[in-house]
Amino acid sequence: MLNEKKSKEAIEKVAADENVSVSVAREEMEKALLMCFNSENPETRAALRKLFPDETKLPTLEEFIAVVGREAAKEAKERETEDAK
């Protein structure tokens, strides 16, 4: 399960993969996060509301990575269970 420490490690990995500093990677990822939360796409907004019901609070980058990571792991496990049937 992802937590804040693993989220920070994920940011560091993105920085290394992109050959940029952690601060640059964080800045770009935060821009993408804002674009996502400002989306006018109803499907995007519905998916975000499901994961982050408090529309008055923007999650930190670490919170976003942790929540989305947990959801992705949960969905992958559900798919594995279905595939095993």
Protein backbone atom coordinates (compact mmCIF):
# COMPACT_ATOMS: atom_id res chain seq x y z
CA MET A 1 0.00 0.00 0.00
CA LEU A 2 1.34 3.40 -0.90
CA ASN A 3 1.96 5.95 1.81
CA GLU A 4 3.49 9.41 1.90
CA LYS A 5 7.06 8.06 2.02
CA LYS A 6 6.47 5.90 -1.03
CA SER A 7 4.80 8.85 -2.75
CA LYS A 8 7.94 10.93 -2.22
CA GLU A 9 10.00 8.04 -3.58
CA ALA A 10 7.75 7.97 -6.64
CA ILE A 11 8.38 11.70 -7.22
CA GLU A 12 12.12 11.10 -6.88
CA LYS A 13 11.91 8.26 -9.41
CA VAL A 14 10.06 10.46 -11.91
CA ALA A 15 12.75 13.11 -11.46
CA ALA A 16 15.51 10.55 -12.07
CA ASP A 17 13.68 9.03 -15.06
CA GLU A 18 13.17 12.47 -16.60
CA ASN A 19 16.71 13.58 -15.69
CA VAL A 20 15.45 16.66 -13.83
CA SER A 21 15.67 17.81 -10.24
CA VAL A 22 13.06 16.69 -7.73
CA SER A 23 11.80 20.27 -7.47
CA VAL A 24 11.28 20.49 -11.24
CA ALA A 25 9.54 17.11 -11.32
CA ARG A 26 7.33 18.15 -8.39
CA GLU A 27 6.47 21.47 -10.05
CA GLU A 28 5.46 19.75 -13.30
CA MET A 29 3.48 17.07 -11.48
CA GLU A 30 1.67 19.72 -9.42
CA LYS A 31 0.77 21.57 -12.62
CA ALA A 32 -0.68 18.34 -14.01
CA LEU A 33 -2.58 17.78 -10.77
CA LEU A 34 -4.12 21.25 -11.01
CA MET A 35 -5.06 20.67 -14.65
CA CYS A 36 -6.74 17.43 -13.64
CA PHE A 37 -8.74 19.04 -10.82
CA ASN A 38 -9.71 21.98 -13.04
CA SER A 39 -10.91 19.69 -15.82
CA GLU A 40 -14.33 20.38 -17.27
CA ASN A 41 -14.63 16.74 -18.38
CA PRO A 42 -17.55 15.27 -16.39
CA GLU A 43 -15.99 11.78 -16.29
CA THR A 44 -12.74 13.15 -14.90
CA ARG A 45 -14.58 15.21 -12.31
CA ALA A 46 -16.72 12.22 -11.25
CA ALA A 47 -13.65 10.00 -10.87
CA LEU A 48 -11.91 12.65 -8.77
CA ARG A 49 -14.98 13.18 -6.57
CA LYS A 50 -15.04 9.43 -5.92
CA LEU A 51 -11.43 9.47 -4.74
CA PHE A 52 -11.41 12.96 -3.18
CA PRO A 53 -14.94 13.81 -2.00
CA ASP A 54 -13.95 17.11 -0.32
CA GLU A 55 -14.07 19.48 -3.29
CA THR A 56 -12.91 22.37 -1.10
CA LYS A 57 -9.47 20.83 -0.50
CA LEU A 58 -6.90 20.05 -3.16
CA PRO A 59 -4.82 17.04 -2.10
CA THR A 60 -1.08 17.37 -1.86
CA LEU A 61 0.90 15.65 -4.56
CA GLU A 62 1.87 12.94 -2.07
CA GLU A 63 -1.77 12.42 -1.05
CA PHE A 64 -2.84 12.22 -4.69
CA ILE A 65 -0.16 9.65 -5.55
CA ALA A 66 -1.00 7.56 -2.46
CA VAL A 67 -4.76 7.55 -3.06
CA VAL A 68 -4.50 6.88 -6.79
CA GLY A 69 -1.86 4.21 -6.15
CA ARG A 70 -4.08 2.45 -3.60
CA GLU A 71 -7.03 2.57 -6.00
CA ALA A 72 -4.94 1.20 -8.87
CA ALA A 73 -3.64 -1.64 -6.66
CA LYS A 74 -7.18 -2.44 -5.54
CA GLU A 75 -8.45 -2.53 -9.13
CA ALA A 76 -5.50 -4.71 -10.23
CA LYS A 77 -6.23 -7.17 -7.43
CA GLU A 78 -9.91 -7.27 -8.42
CA ARG A 79 -8.93 -7.98 -12.05
CA GLU A 80 -6.60 -10.77 -10.93
CA THR A 81 -9.43 -12.30 -8.90
CA GLU A 82 -11.76 -12.12 -11.89
CA ASP A 83 -9.12 -13.57 -14.23
CA ALA A 84 -8.55 -16.49 -11.84
CA LYS A 85 -12.21 -17.54 -12.11
